[in-house]
Structure formats: C-alpha cells, structure tokens
C-alpha atoms as a PDB file:
ATOM      1  CA  MET A   1     -31.983   3.328  -2.831  1.00  0.00           C
ATOM      2  CA  LYS A   2     -29.605   0.656  -4.112  1.00  0.00           C
ATOM      3  CA  THR A   3     -29.057  -2.036  -1.472  1.00  0.00           C
ATOM      4  CA  ARG A   4     -26.501  -4.808  -0.980  1.00  0.00           C
ATOM      5  CA  THR A   5     -28.598  -7.259   1.026  1.00  0.00           C
ATOM      6  CA  ASN A   6     -26.667  -9.581   3.345  1.00  0.00           C
ATOM      7  CA  LEU A   7     -23.175  -8.686   2.133  1.00  0.00           C
ATOM      8  CA  LYS A   8     -21.004  -8.742   5.247  1.00  0.00           C
ATOM      9  CA  VAL A   9     -18.614  -5.902   6.090  1.00  0.00           C
ATOM     10  CA  LEU A  10     -16.158  -6.135   8.979  1.00  0.00           C
ATOM     11  CA  ILE A  11     -15.106  -2.742  10.422  1.00  0.00           C
ATOM     12  CA  GLY A  12     -12.037  -2.527  12.646  1.00  0.00           C
ATOM     13  CA  GLY A  13     -12.628   0.368  15.013  1.00  0.00           C
ATOM     14  CA  GLY A  14     -16.296   0.381  14.071  1.00  0.00           C
ATOM     15  CA  THR A  15     -17.430   1.881  17.388  1.00  0.00           C
ATOM     16  CA  GLY A  16     -15.391   5.072  16.933  1.00  0.00           C
ATOM     17  CA  PHE A  17     -16.408   8.418  15.456  1.00  0.00           C
ATOM     18  CA  ILE A  18     -15.912   7.486  11.802  1.00  0.00           C
ATOM     19  CA  GLY A  19     -16.728   3.803  12.270  1.00  0.00           C
ATOM     20  CA  LYS A  20     -20.186   4.515  13.664  1.00  0.00           C
ATOM     21  CA  ARG A  21     -21.003   6.819  10.757  1.00  0.00           C
ATOM     22  CA  LEU A  22     -19.728   4.257   8.254  1.00  0.00           C
ATOM     23  CA  GLY A  23     -21.744   1.478   9.890  1.00  0.00           C
ATOM     24  CA  ASP A  24     -24.902   3.590   9.825  1.00  0.00           C
ATOM     25  CA  LEU A  25     -24.359   4.494   6.160  1.00  0.00           C
ATOM     26  CA  ILE A  26     -23.736   1.048   4.778  1.00  0.00           C
ATOM     27  CA  SER A  27     -26.372  -0.603   6.992  1.00  0.00           C
ATOM     28  CA  LYS A  28     -28.952   1.650   5.342  1.00  0.00           C
ATOM     29  CA  HIS A  29     -27.826   0.199   2.026  1.00  0.00           C
ATOM     30  CA  GLY A  30     -28.391  -3.358   3.165  1.00  0.00           C
ATOM     31  CA  TYR A  31     -24.931  -4.398   4.320  1.00  0.00           C
ATOM     32  CA  ASP A  32     -24.557  -6.660   7.355  1.00  0.00           C
ATOM     33  CA  VAL A  33     -22.032  -4.903   9.622  1.00  0.00           C
ATOM     34  CA  THR A  34     -19.813  -6.446  12.296  1.00  0.00           C
ATOM     35  CA  ASN A  35     -17.464  -4.246  14.324  1.00  0.00           C
ATOM     36  CA  VAL A  36     -14.097  -5.281  15.725  1.00  0.00           C
ATOM     37  CA  SER A  37     -13.821  -3.375  18.973  1.00  0.00           C
ATOM     38  CA  ARG A  38     -12.677  -3.531  22.568  1.00  0.00           C
ATOM     39  CA  MET A  39     -16.223  -2.529  23.526  1.00  0.00           C
ATOM     40  CA  PRO A  40     -18.932  -5.176  23.995  1.00  0.00           C
ATOM     41  CA  GLY A  41     -22.010  -4.916  21.805  1.00  0.00           C
ATOM     42  CA  ARG A  42     -24.575  -6.890  19.840  1.00  0.00           C
ATOM     43  CA  ASN A  43     -22.729  -6.538  16.537  1.00  0.00           C
ATOM     44  CA  ASN A  44     -19.227  -6.399  18.008  1.00  0.00           C
ATOM     45  CA  ILE A  45     -16.431  -8.938  18.224  1.00  0.00           C
ATOM     46  CA  GLY A  46     -13.064  -8.498  19.922  1.00  0.00           C
ATOM     47  CA  TRP A  47      -9.593  -8.346  18.414  1.00  0.00           C
ATOM     48  CA  SER A  48      -8.819 -11.579  20.248  1.00  0.00           C
ATOM     49  CA  ASP A  49     -11.704 -13.208  18.352  1.00  0.00           C
ATOM     50  CA  ILE A  50     -10.101 -12.221  15.056  1.00  0.00           C
ATOM     51  CA  ALA A  51      -6.751 -13.650  16.199  1.00  0.00           C
ATOM     52  CA  MET A  52      -8.237 -16.940  17.420  1.00  0.00           C
ATOM     53  CA  ARG A  53     -11.186 -17.554  15.100  1.00  0.00           C
ATOM     54  CA  GLY A  54     -10.397 -15.496  12.021  1.00  0.00           C
ATOM     55  CA  LEU A  55     -12.858 -13.549   9.890  1.00  0.00           C
ATOM     56  CA  PRO A  56     -16.600 -14.111  10.170  1.00  0.00           C
ATOM     57  CA  ASP A  57     -17.795 -16.487   7.450  1.00  0.00           C
ATOM     58  CA  ASN A  58     -18.460 -14.994   4.015  1.00  0.00           C
ATOM     59  CA  THR A  59     -17.040 -11.555   4.789  1.00  0.00           C
ATOM     60  CA  HIS A  60     -17.368  -9.404   1.648  1.00  0.00           C
ATOM     61  CA  ALA A  61     -15.230  -6.428   2.707  1.00  0.00           C
ATOM     62  CA  VAL A  62     -12.896  -5.468   5.551  1.00  0.00           C
ATOM     63  CA  VAL A  63     -12.300  -1.862   6.643  1.00  0.00           C
ATOM     64  CA  ASN A  64      -9.771  -0.770   9.254  1.00  0.00           C
ATOM     65  CA  LEU A  65     -10.394   2.508  11.073  1.00  0.00           C
ATOM     66  CA  ALA A  66      -8.786   1.487  14.369  1.00  0.00           C
ATOM     67  CA  GLY A  67      -6.220   3.646  16.132  1.00  0.00           C
ATOM     68  CA  GLN A  68      -5.493   5.589  19.305  1.00  0.00           C
ATOM     69  CA  GLN A  69      -6.344   9.268  18.801  1.00  0.00           C
ATOM     70  CA  PHE A  70      -3.281  11.453  18.194  1.00  0.00           C
ATOM     71  CA  MET A  71      -4.970  14.439  19.777  1.00  0.00           C
ATOM     72  CA  ASP A  72      -6.112  12.894  23.036  1.00  0.00           C
ATOM     73  CA  PHE A  73      -5.010  15.839  25.162  1.00  0.00           C
ATOM     74  CA  THR A  74      -5.507  13.824  28.347  1.00  0.00           C
ATOM     75  CA  LYS A  75      -2.450  11.780  27.325  1.00  0.00           C
ATOM     76  CA  ALA A  76       1.089  13.132  27.475  1.00  0.00           C
ATOM     77  CA  TRP A  77       3.214  12.611  24.369  1.00  0.00           C
ATOM     78  CA  THR A  78       5.447  10.013  26.004  1.00  0.00           C
ATOM     79  CA  PRO A  79       7.343   7.139  24.351  1.00  0.00           C
ATOM     80  CA  GLY A  80       4.673   4.794  25.738  1.00  0.00           C
ATOM     81  CA  PHE A  81       1.805   6.792  24.256  1.00  0.00           C
ATOM     82  CA  LYS A  82       3.592   7.063  20.905  1.00  0.00           C
ATOM     83  CA  GLN A  83       4.053   3.296  20.911  1.00  0.00           C
ATOM     84  CA  ASN A  84       0.334   2.873  21.553  1.00  0.00           C
ATOM     85  CA  VAL A  85      -0.472   5.241  18.675  1.00  0.00           C
ATOM     86  CA  GLN A  86       1.737   3.110  16.439  1.00  0.00           C
ATOM     87  CA  ASN A  87       0.664  -0.329  17.658  1.00  0.00           C
ATOM     88  CA  SER A  88      -3.049   0.468  17.546  1.00  0.00           C
ATOM     89  CA  ARG A  89      -2.726   1.121  13.815  1.00  0.00           C
ATOM     90  CA  VAL A  90      -0.023  -1.237  12.622  1.00  0.00           C
ATOM     91  CA  PHE A  91      -0.904  -4.270  14.739  1.00  0.00           C
ATOM     92  CA  THR A  92      -4.644  -4.068  14.064  1.00  0.00           C
ATOM     93  CA  THR A  93      -3.914  -3.879  10.336  1.00  0.00           C
ATOM     94  CA  LYS A  94      -1.549  -6.847  10.603  1.00  0.00           C
ATOM     95  CA  SER A  95      -4.198  -8.800  12.520  1.00  0.00           C
ATOM     96  CA  LEU A  96      -6.830  -8.210   9.842  1.00  0.00           C
ATOM     97  CA  VAL A  97      -4.400  -9.007   7.017  1.00  0.00           C
ATOM     98  CA  GLU A  98      -3.351 -12.260   8.686  1.00  0.00           C
ATOM     99  CA  ALA A  99      -7.000 -13.249   9.146  1.00  0.00           C
ATOM    100  CA  ILE A 100      -7.745 -12.462   5.493  1.00  0.00           C
ATOM    101  CA  ASN A 101      -4.739 -14.433   4.276  1.00  0.00           C
ATOM    102  CA  LYS A 102      -5.707 -17.512   6.311  1.00  0.00           C
ATOM    103  CA  VAL A 103      -9.346 -17.745   5.266  1.00  0.00           C
ATOM    104  CA  GLU A 104     -10.230 -19.779   2.173  1.00  0.00           C
ATOM    105  CA  ALA A 105     -13.159 -17.636   1.000  1.00  0.00           C
ATOM    106  CA  LYS A 106     -11.411 -14.275   0.979  1.00  0.00           C
ATOM    107  CA  PRO A 107     -13.149 -10.896   1.052  1.00  0.00           C
ATOM    108  CA  LYS A 108     -13.237  -8.908  -2.153  1.00  0.00           C
ATOM    109  CA  VAL A 109     -11.604  -5.782  -0.732  1.00  0.00           C
ATOM    110  CA  LEU A 110      -9.583  -4.429   2.185  1.00  0.00           C
ATOM    111  CA  VAL A 111      -9.891  -0.693   2.877  1.00  0.00           C
ATOM    112  CA  VAL A 112      -7.400   0.868   5.308  1.00  0.00           C
ATOM    113  CA  VAL A 113      -7.771   4.518   6.319  1.00  0.00           C
ATOM    114  CA  THR A 114      -4.431   6.156   7.121  1.00  0.00           C
ATOM    115  CA  GLY A 115      -3.627   9.886   6.983  1.00  0.00           C
ATOM    116  CA  VAL A 116      -2.189  12.764   4.993  1.00  0.00           C
ATOM    117  CA  GLY A 117       0.554  12.845   7.618  1.00  0.00           C
ATOM    118  CA  ALA A 118       2.234  10.571   5.082  1.00  0.00           C
ATOM    119  CA  TYR A 119       3.252  13.739   3.213  1.00  0.00           C
ATOM    120  CA  GLU A 120       5.965  16.028   4.554  1.00  0.00           C
ATOM    121  CA  PRO A 121       4.536  19.336   5.848  1.00  0.00           C
ATOM    122  CA  SER A 122       5.310  22.181   3.473  1.00  0.00           C
ATOM    123  CA  GLU A 123       4.115  25.639   2.517  1.00  0.00           C
ATOM    124  CA  TYR A 124       5.196  25.075  -1.088  1.00  0.00           C
ATOM    125  CA  ASN A 125       4.936  21.415  -2.111  1.00  0.00           C
ATOM    126  CA  LYS A 126       1.721  20.154  -3.670  1.00  0.00           C
ATOM    127  CA  TYR A 127       0.787  16.518  -3.195  1.00  0.00           C
ATOM    128  CA  ASP A 128      -1.515  14.085  -4.948  1.00  0.00           C
ATOM    129  CA  GLU A 129      -1.723  10.290  -4.757  1.00  0.00           C
ATOM    130  CA  SER A 130       1.393   9.873  -6.925  1.00  0.00           C
ATOM    131  CA  SER A 131       3.587  11.937  -4.582  1.00  0.00           C
ATOM    132  CA  THR A 132       6.522  10.371  -2.756  1.00  0.00           C
ATOM    133  CA  VAL A 133       6.319   9.637   0.970  1.00  0.00           C
ATOM    134  CA  THR A 134       9.696  10.451   2.523  1.00  0.00           C
ATOM    135  CA  GLY A 135       9.398   9.248   6.113  1.00  0.00           C
ATOM    136  CA  SER A 136      10.828  12.542   7.332  1.00  0.00           C
ATOM    137  CA  ASP A 137       8.893  12.679  10.636  1.00  0.00           C
ATOM    138  CA  PHE A 138       7.089  10.404  13.107  1.00  0.00           C
ATOM    139  CA  PHE A 139       3.728  10.501  11.343  1.00  0.00           C
ATOM    140  CA  SER A 140       5.189   9.866   7.901  1.00  0.00           C
ATOM    141  CA  ARG A 141       7.257   6.947   9.189  1.00  0.00           C
ATOM    142  CA  LEU A 142       4.190   5.587  10.965  1.00  0.00           C
ATOM    143  CA  THR A 143       2.190   5.736   7.746  1.00  0.00           C
ATOM    144  CA  ILE A 144       4.893   3.866   5.838  1.00  0.00           C
ATOM    145  CA  GLU A 145       4.818   1.025   8.382  1.00  0.00           C
ATOM    146  CA  TRP A 146       1.013   1.112   8.603  1.00  0.00           C
ATOM    147  CA  GLU A 147       0.472   0.937   4.860  1.00  0.00           C
ATOM    148  CA  GLY A 148       3.269  -1.609   4.603  1.00  0.00           C
ATOM    149  CA  ALA A 149       1.305  -3.905   6.919  1.00  0.00           C
ATOM    150  CA  ALA A 150      -1.744  -3.536   4.663  1.00  0.00           C
ATOM    151  CA  SER A 151       0.301  -4.335   1.546  1.00  0.00           C
ATOM    152  CA  LYS A 152       0.945  -7.864   2.850  1.00  0.00           C
ATOM    153  CA  VAL A 153      -2.667  -8.835   2.073  1.00  0.00           C
ATOM    154  CA  ASP A 154      -3.147 -11.647  -0.429  1.00  0.00           C
ATOM    155  CA  PRO A 155      -2.925 -10.228  -3.989  1.00  0.00           C
ATOM    156  CA  SER A 156      -6.342 -11.678  -4.831  1.00  0.00           C
ATOM    157  CA  VAL A 157      -7.848  -9.110  -2.438  1.00  0.00           C
ATOM    158  CA  ARG A 158      -8.278  -5.596  -3.786  1.00  0.00           C
ATOM    159  CA  LEU A 159      -6.435  -3.155  -1.501  1.00  0.00           C
ATOM    160  CA  VAL A 160      -7.539   0.470  -1.088  1.00  0.00           C
ATOM    161  CA  ILE A 161      -5.624   2.865   1.171  1.00  0.00           C
ATOM    162  CA  ILE A 162      -7.348   6.158   1.946  1.00  0.00           C
ATOM    163  CA  ARG A 163      -5.098   8.906   3.332  1.00  0.00           C
ATOM    164  CA  SER A 164      -7.595  10.999   5.247  1.00  0.00           C
ATOM    165  CA  GLY A 165      -7.370  14.691   6.002  1.00  0.00           C
ATOM    166  CA  VAL A 166      -8.812  16.358   9.096  1.00  0.00           C
ATOM    167  CA  VAL A 167     -12.312  14.940   9.471  1.00  0.00           C
ATOM    168  CA  ILE A 168     -15.115  17.445  10.057  1.00  0.00           C
ATOM    169  CA  GLY A 169     -18.153  16.083  11.860  1.00  0.00           C
ATOM    170  CA  ARG A 170     -20.300  16.798  14.901  1.00  0.00           C
ATOM    171  CA  GLU A 171     -19.418  13.780  17.027  1.00  0.00           C
ATOM    172  CA  GLY A 172     -15.632  13.786  16.987  1.00  0.00           C
ATOM    173  CA  GLY A 173     -12.419  14.709  15.237  1.00  0.00           C
ATOM    174  CA  MET A 174     -11.082  18.246  15.260  1.00  0.00           C
ATOM    175  CA  ILE A 175     -14.492  19.825  15.862  1.00  0.00           C
ATOM    176  CA  LYS A 176     -14.901  18.022  19.186  1.00  0.00           C
ATOM    177  CA  ASN A 177     -11.741  19.703  20.488  1.00  0.00           C
ATOM    178  CA  MET A 178     -12.508  23.121  19.022  1.00  0.00           C
ATOM    179  CA  ILE A 179     -16.210  23.621  19.604  1.00  0.00           C
ATOM    180  CA  LEU A 180     -16.038  24.900  23.190  1.00  0.00           C
ATOM    181  CA  PRO A 181     -13.465  27.697  22.719  1.00  0.00           C
ATOM    182  CA  PHE A 182     -15.107  28.779  19.457  1.00  0.00           C
ATOM    183  CA  PHE A 183     -18.585  28.651  20.989  1.00  0.00           C
ATOM    184  CA  LEU A 184     -17.338  30.892  23.833  1.00  0.00           C
ATOM    185  CA  GLY A 185     -15.878  33.354  21.328  1.00  0.00           C
ATOM    186  CA  LEU A 186     -12.311  32.355  22.217  1.00  0.00           C
ATOM    187  CA  GLY A 187     -11.348  30.731  18.946  1.00  0.00           C
ATOM    188  CA  GLY A 188      -8.610  31.882  16.622  1.00  0.00           C
ATOM    189  CA  ARG A 189      -6.039  30.822  14.085  1.00  0.00           C
ATOM    190  CA  ILE A 190      -3.182  28.536  15.070  1.00  0.00           C
ATOM    191  CA  GLY A 191       0.250  30.083  14.655  1.00  0.00           C
ATOM    192  CA  SER A 192       0.445  32.151  11.480  1.00  0.00           C
ATOM    193  CA  GLY A 193      -2.707  30.505  10.123  1.00  0.00           C
ATOM    194  CA  LYS A 194      -0.984  30.168   6.760  1.00  0.00           C
ATOM    195  CA  GLN A 195      -0.434  26.405   7.040  1.00  0.00           C
ATOM    196  CA  PHE A 196      -2.594  24.296   4.729  1.00  0.00           C
ATOM    197  CA  LEU A 197      -5.400  22.301   6.295  1.00  0.00           C
ATOM    198  CA  PRO A 198      -6.449  19.285   4.207  1.00  0.00           C
ATOM    199  CA  TRP A 199      -9.988  18.473   5.371  1.00  0.00           C
ATOM    200  CA  ILE A 200     -12.950  16.252   4.594  1.00  0.00           C
ATOM    201  CA  HIS A 201     -16.501  16.047   5.920  1.00  0.00           C
ATOM    202  CA  VAL A 202     -17.184  12.740   7.679  1.00  0.00           C
ATOM    203  CA  ASP A 203     -20.028  12.021   5.237  1.00  0.00           C
ATOM    204  CA  ASP A 204     -17.574  12.225   2.339  1.00  0.00           C
ATOM    205  CA  LEU A 205     -14.943  10.080   4.038  1.00  0.00           C
ATOM    206  CA  THR A 206     -17.518   7.370   4.713  1.00  0.00           C
ATOM    207  CA  GLY A 207     -18.882   7.922   1.210  1.00  0.00           C
ATOM    208  CA  ILE A 208     -15.439   7.310  -0.310  1.00  0.00           C
ATOM    209  CA  ILE A 209     -15.060   4.136   1.759  1.00  0.00           C
ATOM    210  CA  LYS A 210     -18.439   2.875   0.494  1.00  0.00           C
ATOM    211  CA  PHE A 211     -17.459   3.902  -3.044  1.00  0.00           C
ATOM    212  CA  ALA A 212     -14.227   1.899  -2.685  1.00  0.00           C
ATOM    213  CA  ILE A 213     -16.073  -1.180  -1.408  1.00  0.00           C
ATOM    214  CA  GLU A 214     -18.541  -1.135  -4.291  1.00  0.00           C
ATOM    215  CA  ASN A 215     -16.322  -0.261  -7.256  1.00  0.00           C
ATOM    216  CA  GLU A 216     -13.905  -2.904  -8.508  1.00  0.00           C
ATOM    217  CA  LYS A 217     -11.927  -0.300 -10.459  1.00  0.00           C
ATOM    218  CA  VAL A 218     -10.898   1.402  -7.205  1.00  0.00           C
ATOM    219  CA  ALA A 219      -7.524   0.200  -5.880  1.00  0.00           C
ATOM    220  CA  GLY A 220      -4.336   1.676  -4.473  1.00  0.00           C
ATOM    221  CA  ILE A 221      -3.869   5.072  -2.815  1.00  0.00           C
ATOM    222  CA  LEU A 222      -6.669   7.637  -2.527  1.00  0.00           C
ATOM    223  CA  ASN A 223      -6.367  11.003  -0.821  1.00  0.00           C
ATOM    224  CA  GLY A 224      -9.429  11.305   1.415  1.00  0.00           C
ATOM    225  CA  VAL A 225      -9.609  15.094   1.328  1.00  0.00           C
ATOM    226  CA  SER A 226     -11.831  17.766  -0.145  1.00  0.00           C
ATOM    227  CA  PRO A 227     -10.692  19.356  -3.419  1.00  0.00           C
ATOM    228  CA  HIS A 228     -11.309  22.739  -1.725  1.00  0.00           C
ATOM    229  CA  ILE A 229      -7.809  23.772  -0.592  1.00  0.00           C
ATOM    230  CA  VAL A 230      -7.810  25.930   2.551  1.00  0.00           C
ATOM    231  CA  THR A 231      -5.482  27.190   5.266  1.00  0.00           C
ATOM    232  CA  ASN A 232      -5.926  27.154   9.022  1.00  0.00           C
ATOM    233  CA  GLN A 233      -6.928  30.822   8.824  1.00  0.00           C
ATOM    234  CA  ASP A 234      -9.599  29.969   6.251  1.00  0.00           C
ATOM    235  CA  PHE A 235     -10.989  27.256   8.512  1.00  0.00           C
ATOM    236  CA  THR A 236     -10.971  29.561  11.533  1.00  0.00           C
ATOM    237  CA  ALA A 237     -12.949  32.203   9.654  1.00  0.00           C
ATOM    238  CA  SER A 238     -15.419  29.689   8.222  1.00  0.00           C
ATOM    239  CA  PHE A 239     -16.127  27.890  11.492  1.00  0.00           C
ATOM    240  CA  ALA A 240     -16.480  31.141  13.438  1.00  0.00           C
ATOM    241  CA  LYS A 241     -18.871  32.472  10.778  1.00  0.00           C
ATOM    242  CA  ALA A 242     -20.956  29.290  10.929  1.00  0.00           C
ATOM    243  CA  LEU A 243     -21.277  29.687  14.709  1.00  0.00           C
ATOM    244  CA  ASN A 244     -21.721  33.469  14.435  1.00  0.00           C
ATOM    245  CA  ARG A 245     -18.852  33.968  16.871  1.00  0.00           C
ATOM    246  CA  PRO A 246     -15.737  36.148  16.778  1.00  0.00           C
ATOM    247  CA  ALA A 247     -12.350  34.437  16.418  1.00  0.00           C
ATOM    248  CA  PHE A 248      -9.774  36.954  17.546  1.00  0.00           C
ATOM    249  CA  PHE A 249      -7.603  34.844  19.858  1.00  0.00           C
ATOM    250  CA  PRO A 250      -4.707  33.288  17.933  1.00  0.00           C
ATOM    251  CA  VAL A 251      -2.884  30.384  19.557  1.00  0.00           C
ATOM    252  CA  PRO A 252       0.897  30.873  19.356  1.00  0.00           C
ATOM    253  CA  GLU A 253       2.865  27.942  17.980  1.00  0.00           C
ATOM    254  CA  THR A 254       5.247  28.098  20.936  1.00  0.00           C
ATOM    255  CA  ILE A 255       2.381  27.512  23.388  1.00  0.00           C
ATOM    256  CA  LEU A 256       1.239  24.409  21.532  1.00  0.00           C
ATOM    257  CA  ASN A 257       4.806  23.118  21.361  1.00  0.00           C
ATOM    258  CA  VAL A 258       5.047  23.377  25.140  1.00  0.00           C
ATOM    259  CA  LEU A 259       1.611  21.907  25.854  1.00  0.00           C
ATOM    260  CA  LEU A 260       1.547  19.109  23.284  1.00  0.00           C
ATOM    261  CA  ASN A 261       5.215  18.468  22.399  1.00  0.00           C
ATOM    262  CA  PRO A 262       6.512  19.833  19.077  1.00  0.00           C
ATOM    263  CA  GLU A 263       6.280  16.413  17.425  1.00  0.00           C
ATOM    264  CA  ARG A 264       2.530  16.207  18.050  1.00  0.00           C
ATOM    265  CA  ALA A 265       1.856  19.952  17.788  1.00  0.00           C
ATOM    266  CA  MET A 266       3.044  19.911  14.171  1.00  0.00           C
ATOM    267  CA  LEU A 267      -0.294  18.311  13.243  1.00  0.00           C
ATOM    268  CA  LEU A 268      -1.826  21.703  14.067  1.00  0.00           C
ATOM    269  CA  THR A 269       1.002  24.129  13.371  1.00  0.00           C
ATOM    270  CA  LYS A 270       2.099  22.735  10.005  1.00  0.00           C
ATOM    271  CA  GLY A 271       0.188  21.419   7.029  1.00  0.00           C
ATOM    272  CA  GLN A 272       0.186  20.026   3.503  1.00  0.00           C
ATOM    273  CA  HIS A 273      -1.367  21.031   0.193  1.00  0.00           C
ATOM    274  CA  VAL A 274      -3.114  17.764  -0.732  1.00  0.00           C
ATOM    275  CA  THR A 275      -5.490  17.158  -3.628  1.00  0.00           C
ATOM    276  CA  PRO A 276      -7.757  14.124  -4.256  1.00  0.00           C
ATOM    277  CA  LYS A 277      -6.768  13.736  -7.895  1.00  0.00           C
ATOM    278  CA  ARG A 278      -7.544   9.995  -8.173  1.00  0.00           C
ATOM    279  CA  VAL A 279     -10.752  10.255  -6.127  1.00  0.00           C
ATOM    280  CA  MET A 280     -12.135  12.728  -8.634  1.00  0.00           C
ATOM    281  CA  GLU A 281     -10.809  10.860 -11.672  1.00  0.00           C
ATOM    282  CA  LEU A 282     -12.534   7.695 -10.421  1.00  0.00           C
ATOM    283  CA  GLY A 283     -15.842   9.554 -10.278  1.00  0.00           C
ATOM    284  CA  TYR A 284     -16.681   9.981  -6.609  1.00  0.00           C
ATOM    285  CA  SER A 285     -19.239  12.780  -6.143  1.00  0.00           C
ATOM    286  CA  TYR A 286     -18.594  14.921  -3.061  1.00  0.00           C
ATOM    287  CA  GLN A 287     -21.431  15.944  -0.769  1.00  0.00           C
ATOM    288  CA  TYR A 288     -19.412  18.818   0.735  1.00  0.00           C
ATOM    289  CA  LEU A 289     -17.162  20.501  -1.811  1.00  0.00           C
ATOM    290  CA  ASN A 290     -17.068  23.796   0.075  1.00  0.00           C
ATOM    291  CA  LEU A 291     -15.689  24.361   3.587  1.00  0.00           C
ATOM    292  CA  ASP A 292     -18.431  26.851   4.484  1.00  0.00           C
ATOM    293  CA  ASP A 293     -21.104  24.234   3.773  1.00  0.00           C
ATOM    294  CA  ALA A 294     -19.277  21.646   5.873  1.00  0.00           C
ATOM    295  CA  CYS A 295     -18.917  24.059   8.800  1.00  0.00           C
ATOM    296  CA  LYS A 296     -22.570  25.080   8.561  1.00  0.00           C
ATOM    297  CA  ASP A 297     -23.603  21.438   8.749  1.00  0.00           C
ATOM    298  CA  VAL A 298     -21.556  20.934  11.919  1.00  0.00           C
ATOM    299  CA  ALA A 299     -22.580  24.233  13.502  1.00  0.00           C
ATOM    300  CA  HIS A 300     -26.336  23.988  12.976  1.00  0.00           C
ATOM    301  CA  LEU A 301     -26.783  21.897  16.144  1.00  0.00           C
ATOM    302  CA  PHE A 302     -25.320  24.654  18.296  1.00  0.00           C
ATOM    303  CA  PRO A 303     -27.194  27.841  19.272  1.00  0.00           C
ATOM    304  CA  LYS A 304     -25.951  30.953  17.570  1.00  0.00           C
ATOM    305  CA  LYS A 305     -25.148  34.172  19.364  1.00  0.00           C
ATOM    306  CA  THR A 306     -27.658  36.875  18.449  1.00  0.00           C
ATOM    307  CA  ALA A 307     -27.557  40.590  18.830  1.00  0.00           C
ATOM    308  CA  ASN A 308     -29.342  42.179  21.820  1.00  0.00           C
END
C-alpha cells in the first residue's frame, strides 16, 4: 500500500457521513487527518479555531464536505432552514479559503464537494463537466455561489470542485432515508420513476477526492457520479432486488410536494443525465461501476426475506 506519511489533510465536515469515510481511507494511507467540526473530538478543531488561528501548520490539502443536509425531514423547508443550507456551505468554504489565503505556507490543493444540482433538471439534456450552469433554481443558484466562494482561493493553490451525485453508502445519504420502507416491503419508485438519478458509491466519492489530492494534473470541475446512467425506477428495482423485497408502492409526486415543499421535493422527483467525462479521462478507476453491485454492498448488512 502506498502511504503519504505525515502529510496533513484538513477536512471541513469531517465528522459527517462522507467525511468519516474519507478520513478512514486517507488515514490508512498515512495521511494525518484533522477535522473541522462543531463536535468535540481528539482530531477535531472548531470553525472558530479556523477563523481565529488559521490553518494548522504545514497543511498539505484542504477538503470541504460541510453542509446542512437538504433532506433532513425533521426540518421544515422554511426561509430560515434554506438560509442555513446555504450558509453552511458558502460560509464554511469562504472561511477555509480565507484561512488558506492568509497562511504563508499554503496547501497544495483545495477540494470542495458540491452537487449535480448545479445542472438544471431535464429528461432530455445530457451534462458533463463542460456543461453550462444556468442558476435556474435554488440548488443551481446555491452551487454557483458555493463554487464562487471556492474560486477566490489563491491561484497558487490547485482547486478541484467535485459535483457529487446521490451518495450510496450504509451509514447515511439516500439509503439512510430509504432503508426502512424498502426493508418492510413498502418501497417503490418516486413519481413516474423516469427521472434520471446520478449516483455514486461513497467509496468512489472518497476515492475521487483522494485521487484529486494526489494527482497534480487534476484541477477544475469533476462530476462525482458513476458512469452507469440510471433512472429512479432502475434504482428502485436494484435496491429492492438487493434486499430481496418487493417494491410495489410508488410515491406520488404530489404527496412529496406537499410533505417536503416542491422546491426541495424536486431533488427526488426530477433528475439530470450526468456523466463523469473528465473523471474517466483523468484515469480514475471506479470500484463500483454497476448500480447492482453498489446496492448489494449496501444491502448485505441487512437480513434478507426468505421464503417459508
């Protein structure tokens, strides 16, 4: 195993679902990880520490994964919650960029993970990293501001922006919200099921981040998605098959619009055809190219229903 002994990586949001997996991955390869988090911990520092004291000495790379979850169903989609969703992404990125710009010994790379919500939902358009971001809805406008904050980093620092799809993993993301109804045999497609669902296994998202940290040729926009293009109906069938459960209970779009607010519900009811053209051209090797394999990996921890 190739190791990077004592190289320091600072992870904003490092105690979250993706951040923990990233920290585990790069620690195994010899990196020294410090998390920026609101939670206390042995390897954690607070956002106020970054504002007051700046980056830890000799930081090699900075990654920002921080942000209030869009799909926290315990929170109503109010103007206050939307502001928190925005601030938790834009302001944390600004804070890290300001700290980088102030320090004399700058890190080699800043990696910021945003989302494919940058691209306008469509049943017909096909997007890669060269596609235009229009700012046609809340999530696209948020991404423009978010990535704009990252772009203010000193030009001597390599900037990589990864627009992530839906992240598939056992500990969080979409699976965490879906596992109970699917496990009980109450899962089903959302709306027509025809909307595209750009997805990525958490091991590949963290793998792309590590790839970006380690490869000087990697810069600019990357689409953090699998090259396997699927729809919501495809995902429903694959996840139900992995759990050996039926999935005959579709969720009408109108119900989600009422429960979640149409602006937030569109993350589930609409989608984008997104390909990782630059990721593949740069030579990243995916661990999970196929949705069935990704779903099987997630489902294997749960007991399967067997015939009597």
